[in-house]
Amino acid sequence: SSGINAEYGGLEPVGDTLEELWISYNLIEKMKGIGVLKKLKVLFMSNNLVKDWTELQKLSELPCLVDLNMVNNPIEEKHSVEGTWRSEIEKKLMKLKKLDGVPIVRQDEEDEG
């Protein structure tokens, strides 16, 4: 199956203002162009077709992203089965505070308290 190669075209006009993007159930496989969303804090894209780390790596271009939901994407399902999903995302997206609805607790934050 080729899947739909949805691209985040036309996001430039909202790039400076958009804070939340809810795009679940959209057959999205690629994240090209998402880096323009400099104010984006919340990205909900469960039930899509993302399967490559190279695509998820593009989320590191989003300086404000704190809440990500990727449930029921091939990459999430594969790595959740292997037990590496959360740890990999936490390493790649250092500013993230919530993943798939569950708060992220980082070791260094615990030590500060």
C-alpha atoms as a PDB file:
ATOM      1  CA  SER A   1       0.000   0.000   0.000  1.00  0.00           C
ATOM      2  CA  SER A   2       1.430   3.331  -0.989  1.00  0.00           C
ATOM      3  CA  GLY A   3      -0.409   5.345   1.645  1.00  0.00           C
ATOM      4  CA  ILE A   4      -1.250   8.984   1.255  1.00  0.00           C
ATOM      5  CA  ASN A   5       1.805  11.196   1.234  1.00  0.00           C
ATOM      6  CA  ALA A   6       0.234  14.079   3.103  1.00  0.00           C
ATOM      7  CA  GLU A   7       2.485  17.057   3.484  1.00  0.00           C
ATOM      8  CA  TYR A   8       1.997  19.988   5.790  1.00  0.00           C
ATOM      9  CA  GLY A   9       1.864  22.417   2.896  1.00  0.00           C
ATOM     10  CA  GLY A  10       0.359  25.833   3.384  1.00  0.00           C
ATOM     11  CA  LEU A  11       1.186  26.013   7.074  1.00  0.00           C
ATOM     12  CA  GLU A  12       3.375  29.097   6.733  1.00  0.00           C
ATOM     13  CA  PRO A  13       0.486  31.564   7.322  1.00  0.00           C
ATOM     14  CA  VAL A  14      -0.267  30.014  10.710  1.00  0.00           C
ATOM     15  CA  GLY A  15       3.325  29.140  11.538  1.00  0.00           C
ATOM     16  CA  ASP A  16       3.736  32.018  13.977  1.00  0.00           C
ATOM     17  CA  THR A  17       0.436  31.528  15.797  1.00  0.00           C
ATOM     18  CA  LEU A  18      -0.818  27.937  15.718  1.00  0.00           C
ATOM     19  CA  GLU A  19      -0.434  26.264  19.122  1.00  0.00           C
ATOM     20  CA  GLU A  20      -2.456  23.075  18.701  1.00  0.00           C
ATOM     21  CA  LEU A  21      -2.815  20.724  15.740  1.00  0.00           C
ATOM     22  CA  TRP A  22      -5.290  17.860  15.878  1.00  0.00           C
ATOM     23  CA  ILE A  23      -4.859  15.633  12.849  1.00  0.00           C
ATOM     24  CA  SER A  24      -5.742  12.132  13.970  1.00  0.00           C
ATOM     25  CA  TYR A  25      -7.183   9.656  11.459  1.00  0.00           C
ATOM     26  CA  ASN A  26      -5.615  11.306   8.417  1.00  0.00           C
ATOM     27  CA  LEU A  27      -3.445   8.609   6.802  1.00  0.00           C
ATOM     28  CA  ILE A  28      -0.419  10.836   7.333  1.00  0.00           C
ATOM     29  CA  GLU A  29       2.923   9.198   6.731  1.00  0.00           C
ATOM     30  CA  LYS A  30       5.320  12.110   6.217  1.00  0.00           C
ATOM     31  CA  MET A  31       5.866  15.272   8.232  1.00  0.00           C
ATOM     32  CA  LYS A  32       7.440  17.470   5.609  1.00  0.00           C
ATOM     33  CA  GLY A  33       7.017  21.169   6.342  1.00  0.00           C
ATOM     34  CA  ILE A  34       5.944  20.825   9.959  1.00  0.00           C
ATOM     35  CA  GLY A  35       9.014  22.743  11.108  1.00  0.00           C
ATOM     36  CA  VAL A  36       7.343  26.083  10.317  1.00  0.00           C
ATOM     37  CA  LEU A  37       5.030  25.683  13.318  1.00  0.00           C
ATOM     38  CA  LYS A  38       7.303  27.495  15.742  1.00  0.00           C
ATOM     39  CA  LYS A  39       4.577  28.045  18.361  1.00  0.00           C
ATOM     40  CA  LEU A  40       3.094  24.552  18.246  1.00  0.00           C
ATOM     41  CA  LYS A  41       2.678  23.106  21.737  1.00  0.00           C
ATOM     42  CA  VAL A  42       0.235  20.257  21.156  1.00  0.00           C
ATOM     43  CA  LEU A  43       0.322  17.754  18.296  1.00  0.00           C
ATOM     44  CA  PHE A  44      -2.270  15.004  18.286  1.00  0.00           C
ATOM     45  CA  MET A  45      -1.786  12.670  15.357  1.00  0.00           C
ATOM     46  CA  SER A  46      -2.898   9.285  16.560  1.00  0.00           C
ATOM     47  CA  ASN A  47      -4.156   6.731  14.047  1.00  0.00           C
ATOM     48  CA  ASN A  48      -1.931   7.790  11.167  1.00  0.00           C
ATOM     49  CA  LEU A  49       0.720   5.953   9.150  1.00  0.00           C
ATOM     50  CA  VAL A  50       3.991   7.357  10.500  1.00  0.00           C
ATOM     51  CA  LYS A  51       6.587   4.620  10.522  1.00  0.00           C
ATOM     52  CA  ASP A  52      10.040   6.234  10.232  1.00  0.00           C
ATOM     53  CA  TRP A  53      12.188   7.893  12.890  1.00  0.00           C
ATOM     54  CA  THR A  54      13.339  10.334  10.210  1.00  0.00           C
ATOM     55  CA  GLU A  55       9.807  11.718  10.138  1.00  0.00           C
ATOM     56  CA  LEU A  56       9.529  11.947  13.919  1.00  0.00           C
ATOM     57  CA  GLN A  57      12.928  13.616  14.052  1.00  0.00           C
ATOM     58  CA  LYS A  58      11.365  16.588  12.248  1.00  0.00           C
ATOM     59  CA  LEU A  59       9.371  17.264  15.418  1.00  0.00           C
ATOM     60  CA  SER A  60      12.628  18.312  17.069  1.00  0.00           C
ATOM     61  CA  GLU A  61      12.393  21.447  14.892  1.00  0.00           C
ATOM     62  CA  LEU A  62       9.366  22.523  16.978  1.00  0.00           C
ATOM     63  CA  PRO A  63      10.777  24.519  19.902  1.00  0.00           C
ATOM     64  CA  CYS A  64       7.517  24.702  21.899  1.00  0.00           C
ATOM     65  CA  LEU A  65       6.171  21.158  21.481  1.00  0.00           C
ATOM     66  CA  VAL A  66       5.293  19.721  24.899  1.00  0.00           C
ATOM     67  CA  ASP A  67       2.388  17.343  24.221  1.00  0.00           C
ATOM     68  CA  LEU A  68       2.534  14.639  21.547  1.00  0.00           C
ATOM     69  CA  ASN A  69       0.109  11.828  20.827  1.00  0.00           C
ATOM     70  CA  MET A  70       1.217   9.206  18.314  1.00  0.00           C
ATOM     71  CA  VAL A  71      -0.911   6.233  19.415  1.00  0.00           C
ATOM     72  CA  ASN A  72      -1.753   3.750  16.657  1.00  0.00           C
ATOM     73  CA  ASN A  73       0.962   4.800  14.244  1.00  0.00           C
ATOM     74  CA  PRO A  74       3.099   1.927  12.918  1.00  0.00           C
ATOM     75  CA  ILE A  75       6.231   3.347  14.585  1.00  0.00           C
ATOM     76  CA  GLU A  76       4.509   3.655  17.966  1.00  0.00           C
ATOM     77  CA  GLU A  77       3.027   0.163  17.789  1.00  0.00           C
ATOM     78  CA  LYS A  78       6.327  -1.429  16.767  1.00  0.00           C
ATOM     79  CA  HIS A  79       8.402   0.226  19.464  1.00  0.00           C
ATOM     80  CA  SER A  80       5.771  -0.108  22.183  1.00  0.00           C
ATOM     81  CA  VAL A  81       5.851  -3.858  21.612  1.00  0.00           C
ATOM     82  CA  GLU A  82       9.645  -3.729  21.918  1.00  0.00           C
ATOM     83  CA  GLY A  83       9.354  -1.551  25.014  1.00  0.00           C
ATOM     84  CA  THR A  84      11.465   1.269  23.575  1.00  0.00           C
ATOM     85  CA  TRP A  85       8.834   3.788  22.426  1.00  0.00           C
ATOM     86  CA  ARG A  86       8.797   6.195  25.361  1.00  0.00           C
ATOM     87  CA  SER A  87      12.534   6.123  25.993  1.00  0.00           C
ATOM     88  CA  GLU A  88      13.328   6.791  22.334  1.00  0.00           C
ATOM     89  CA  ILE A  89      10.884   9.693  22.074  1.00  0.00           C
ATOM     90  CA  GLU A  90      12.150  11.180  25.350  1.00  0.00           C
ATOM     91  CA  LYS A  91      15.701  11.107  23.985  1.00  0.00           C
ATOM     92  CA  LYS A  92      14.755  12.641  20.654  1.00  0.00           C
ATOM     93  CA  LEU A  93      12.343  15.325  21.924  1.00  0.00           C
ATOM     94  CA  MET A  94      13.944  16.730  25.050  1.00  0.00           C
ATOM     95  CA  LYS A  95      11.304  19.394  25.721  1.00  0.00           C
ATOM     96  CA  LEU A  96       8.336  17.027  25.586  1.00  0.00           C
ATOM     97  CA  LYS A  97       6.267  16.926  28.778  1.00  0.00           C
ATOM     98  CA  LYS A  98       3.519  14.508  27.765  1.00  0.00           C
ATOM     99  CA  LEU A  99       3.514  11.546  25.391  1.00  0.00           C
ATOM    100  CA  ASP A 100       0.359   9.714  24.349  1.00  0.00           C
ATOM    101  CA  GLY A 101      -1.558  11.265  27.237  1.00  0.00           C
ATOM    102  CA  VAL A 102       0.933  10.198  29.907  1.00  0.00           C
ATOM    103  CA  PRO A 103       3.242  12.736  31.586  1.00  0.00           C
ATOM    104  CA  ILE A 104       6.951  12.251  31.002  1.00  0.00           C
ATOM    105  CA  VAL A 105       9.051  12.086  34.146  1.00  0.00           C
ATOM    106  CA  ARG A 106      12.724  12.679  33.532  1.00  0.00           C
ATOM    107  CA  GLN A 107      15.380  11.617  36.006  1.00  0.00           C
ATOM    108  CA  ASP A 108      17.084  15.013  36.159  1.00  0.00           C
ATOM    109  CA  GLU A 109      13.796  16.695  37.087  1.00  0.00           C
ATOM    110  CA  GLU A 110      13.244  14.300  39.978  1.00  0.00           C
ATOM    111  CA  ASP A 111      16.645  15.116  41.411  1.00  0.00           C
ATOM    112  CA  GLU A 112      15.902  18.842  41.513  1.00  0.00           C
ATOM    113  CA  GLY A 113      12.873  18.432  43.791  1.00  0.00           C
END
